[in-house]
Amino acid sequence: MANTTYRDMDFKIDNAAGTLTSIKSYLNQADLDAALDLIEDTSLADTNRSYLFGLTGKTIALSGMVNTTTEGIFGPLINAATSVTKTAEWKAYTARYYNGEVLLSSVRYSGSNGSLQTFSANMTFDGAVNRTSVGL
């Protein structure tokens, strides 16, 4: 298989109306991260450390340009905390999708003279992440 590039990637998230919306055109960075907790179970009699598998967690970090689409999705979170999850879908390349419900943990807007206003957002998957060959 050929290596993939940013052109293969897409990212969709619920807009204010709850419709899955692609924001690929407004992003300049997107990261999907998976981590596994390791639980140390070394005893006093052991000469080397040993571990058990713990829980996994998946997060998404985005950054991009503020416009009416991204502000409508992330802007309401600047003013108030929410317990509402959003559906998100990460397309890695053709026929490889990761999707599920996410909780937005932080949103940041920034800008300066002579530059675009930008945003960054961090979210955590709530529950399992679906790895599928068909998008939502």
Protein backbone atom coordinates (compact mmCIF):
# COMPACT_ATOMS: atom_id res chain seq x y z
CA MET A 1 0.00 0.00 0.00
CA ALA A 2 1.17 3.51 -0.75
CA ASN A 3 1.91 5.94 2.06
CA THR A 4 -0.89 8.35 2.89
CA THR A 5 -0.76 12.16 3.08
CA TYR A 6 -2.86 14.88 4.65
CA ARG A 7 -4.95 14.91 1.47
CA ASP A 8 -6.30 11.47 2.38
CA MET A 9 -7.44 12.59 5.82
CA ASP A 10 -10.81 14.07 6.81
CA PHE A 11 -12.38 15.04 10.12
CA LYS A 12 -16.11 15.40 10.78
CA ILE A 13 -17.94 16.52 13.91
CA ASP A 14 -21.52 17.39 14.82
CA ASN A 15 -22.42 21.00 14.05
CA ALA A 16 -24.87 23.05 16.15
CA ALA A 17 -27.82 21.27 14.46
CA GLY A 18 -26.35 17.82 15.18
CA THR A 19 -25.36 17.14 11.55
CA LEU A 20 -21.98 15.52 10.92
CA THR A 21 -19.91 18.23 9.18
CA SER A 22 -16.46 18.03 7.58
CA ILE A 23 -14.09 20.72 8.87
CA LYS A 24 -11.03 19.48 6.96
CA SER A 25 -10.85 22.69 4.93
CA TYR A 26 -10.48 24.75 8.13
CA LEU A 27 -7.88 22.59 9.93
CA ASN A 28 -4.11 22.96 9.81
CA GLN A 29 -3.32 20.25 12.37
CA ALA A 30 -5.15 17.17 13.61
CA ASP A 31 -3.90 14.44 15.94
CA LEU A 32 -5.51 11.15 16.94
CA ASP A 33 -3.83 9.63 19.98
CA ALA A 34 -4.36 6.29 21.73
CA ALA A 35 -2.80 5.44 25.08
CA LEU A 36 -2.81 2.32 27.23
CA ASP A 37 -2.55 2.57 31.01
CA LEU A 38 -0.06 0.14 32.48
CA ILE A 39 -0.62 -1.09 36.03
CA GLU A 40 2.49 -2.08 37.89
CA ASP A 41 2.11 -5.34 39.81
CA THR A 42 5.70 -5.82 40.95
CA SER A 43 6.07 -7.47 44.33
CA LEU A 44 8.87 -7.06 46.87
CA ALA A 45 10.22 -10.47 45.86
CA ASP A 46 10.56 -9.56 42.17
CA THR A 47 13.90 -8.55 40.66
CA ASN A 48 12.28 -6.90 37.60
CA ARG A 49 9.19 -4.80 37.22
CA SER A 50 6.05 -6.39 35.82
CA TYR A 51 2.87 -4.83 34.51
CA LEU A 52 -0.75 -5.57 33.70
CA PHE A 53 -2.74 -4.00 30.90
CA GLY A 54 -5.08 -1.27 32.09
CA LEU A 55 -7.65 0.85 30.29
CA THR A 56 -7.16 2.54 26.95
CA GLY A 57 -7.99 6.12 26.12
CA LYS A 58 -8.24 7.93 22.82
CA THR A 59 -8.01 11.68 22.28
CA ILE A 60 -8.18 14.11 19.38
CA ALA A 61 -6.40 17.46 19.23
CA LEU A 62 -7.32 19.92 16.48
CA SER A 63 -6.17 23.36 15.44
CA GLY A 64 -7.37 25.52 12.61
CA MET A 65 -9.02 28.72 11.48
CA VAL A 66 -12.04 30.36 13.11
CA ASN A 67 -14.98 30.94 10.74
CA THR A 68 -18.76 30.61 10.95
CA THR A 69 -18.57 26.80 10.72
CA THR A 70 -15.91 26.19 13.37
CA GLU A 71 -17.22 28.97 15.62
CA GLY A 72 -20.68 27.41 15.50
CA ILE A 73 -19.25 24.06 16.62
CA PHE A 74 -16.70 25.15 19.22
CA GLY A 75 -17.75 28.71 20.17
CA PRO A 76 -20.58 27.75 22.55
CA LEU A 77 -18.02 25.86 24.66
CA ILE A 78 -16.05 29.06 25.37
CA ASN A 79 -18.87 30.50 27.48
CA ALA A 80 -20.36 27.47 29.21
CA ALA A 81 -19.46 23.97 30.27
CA THR A 82 -21.46 21.24 28.59
CA SER A 83 -22.13 17.61 29.26
CA VAL A 84 -23.28 17.01 25.69
CA THR A 85 -21.22 14.60 23.62
CA LYS A 86 -20.60 15.13 19.93
CA THR A 87 -20.20 12.48 17.26
CA ALA A 88 -16.78 12.69 15.62
CA GLU A 89 -15.21 10.79 12.75
CA TRP A 90 -11.57 10.65 11.71
CA LYS A 91 -10.89 9.39 8.19
CA ALA A 92 -7.30 8.18 7.95
CA TYR A 93 -7.54 7.22 4.28
CA THR A 94 -9.98 5.57 1.87
CA ALA A 95 -11.94 2.85 3.68
CA ARG A 96 -10.40 3.48 7.14
CA TYR A 97 -12.49 5.44 9.63
CA TYR A 98 -12.40 5.93 13.40
CA ASN A 99 -15.59 7.27 14.97
CA GLY A 100 -17.47 7.56 18.23
CA GLU A 101 -18.80 9.99 20.81
CA VAL A 102 -16.40 12.64 22.14
CA LEU A 103 -16.39 15.02 25.09
CA LEU A 104 -14.75 18.37 24.37
CA SER A 105 -12.35 19.10 27.23
CA SER A 106 -10.88 22.41 26.06
CA VAL A 107 -11.27 25.07 23.38
CA ARG A 108 -8.93 27.99 22.79
CA TYR A 109 -9.22 30.97 20.44
CA SER A 110 -6.20 33.10 19.61
CA GLY A 111 -5.06 35.74 17.16
CA SER A 112 -2.86 38.77 16.73
CA ASN A 113 -2.49 41.80 14.45
CA GLY A 114 -2.07 40.79 10.84
CA SER A 115 -3.04 37.14 11.34
CA LEU A 116 -6.04 34.87 11.11
CA GLN A 117 -8.00 34.10 14.23
CA THR A 118 -7.30 30.48 15.11
CA PHE A 119 -8.72 27.86 17.46
CA SER A 120 -7.52 24.70 19.12
CA ALA A 121 -9.71 22.01 20.65
CA ASN A 122 -9.07 18.86 22.63
CA MET A 123 -11.55 16.05 22.94
CA THR A 124 -11.67 12.58 24.47
CA PHE A 125 -13.63 9.61 23.17
CA ASP A 126 -16.34 8.52 25.60
CA GLY A 127 -16.34 4.73 25.39
CA ALA A 128 -15.18 2.61 22.50
CA VAL A 129 -13.84 3.92 19.20
CA ASN A 130 -15.19 2.18 16.13
CA ARG A 131 -12.59 1.29 13.51
CA THR A 132 -14.51 0.67 10.30
CA SER A 133 -14.16 0.60 6.53
CA VAL A 134 -17.34 2.65 6.02
CA GLY A 135 -17.89 6.23 7.15
CA LEU A 136 -20.92 7.45 9.06
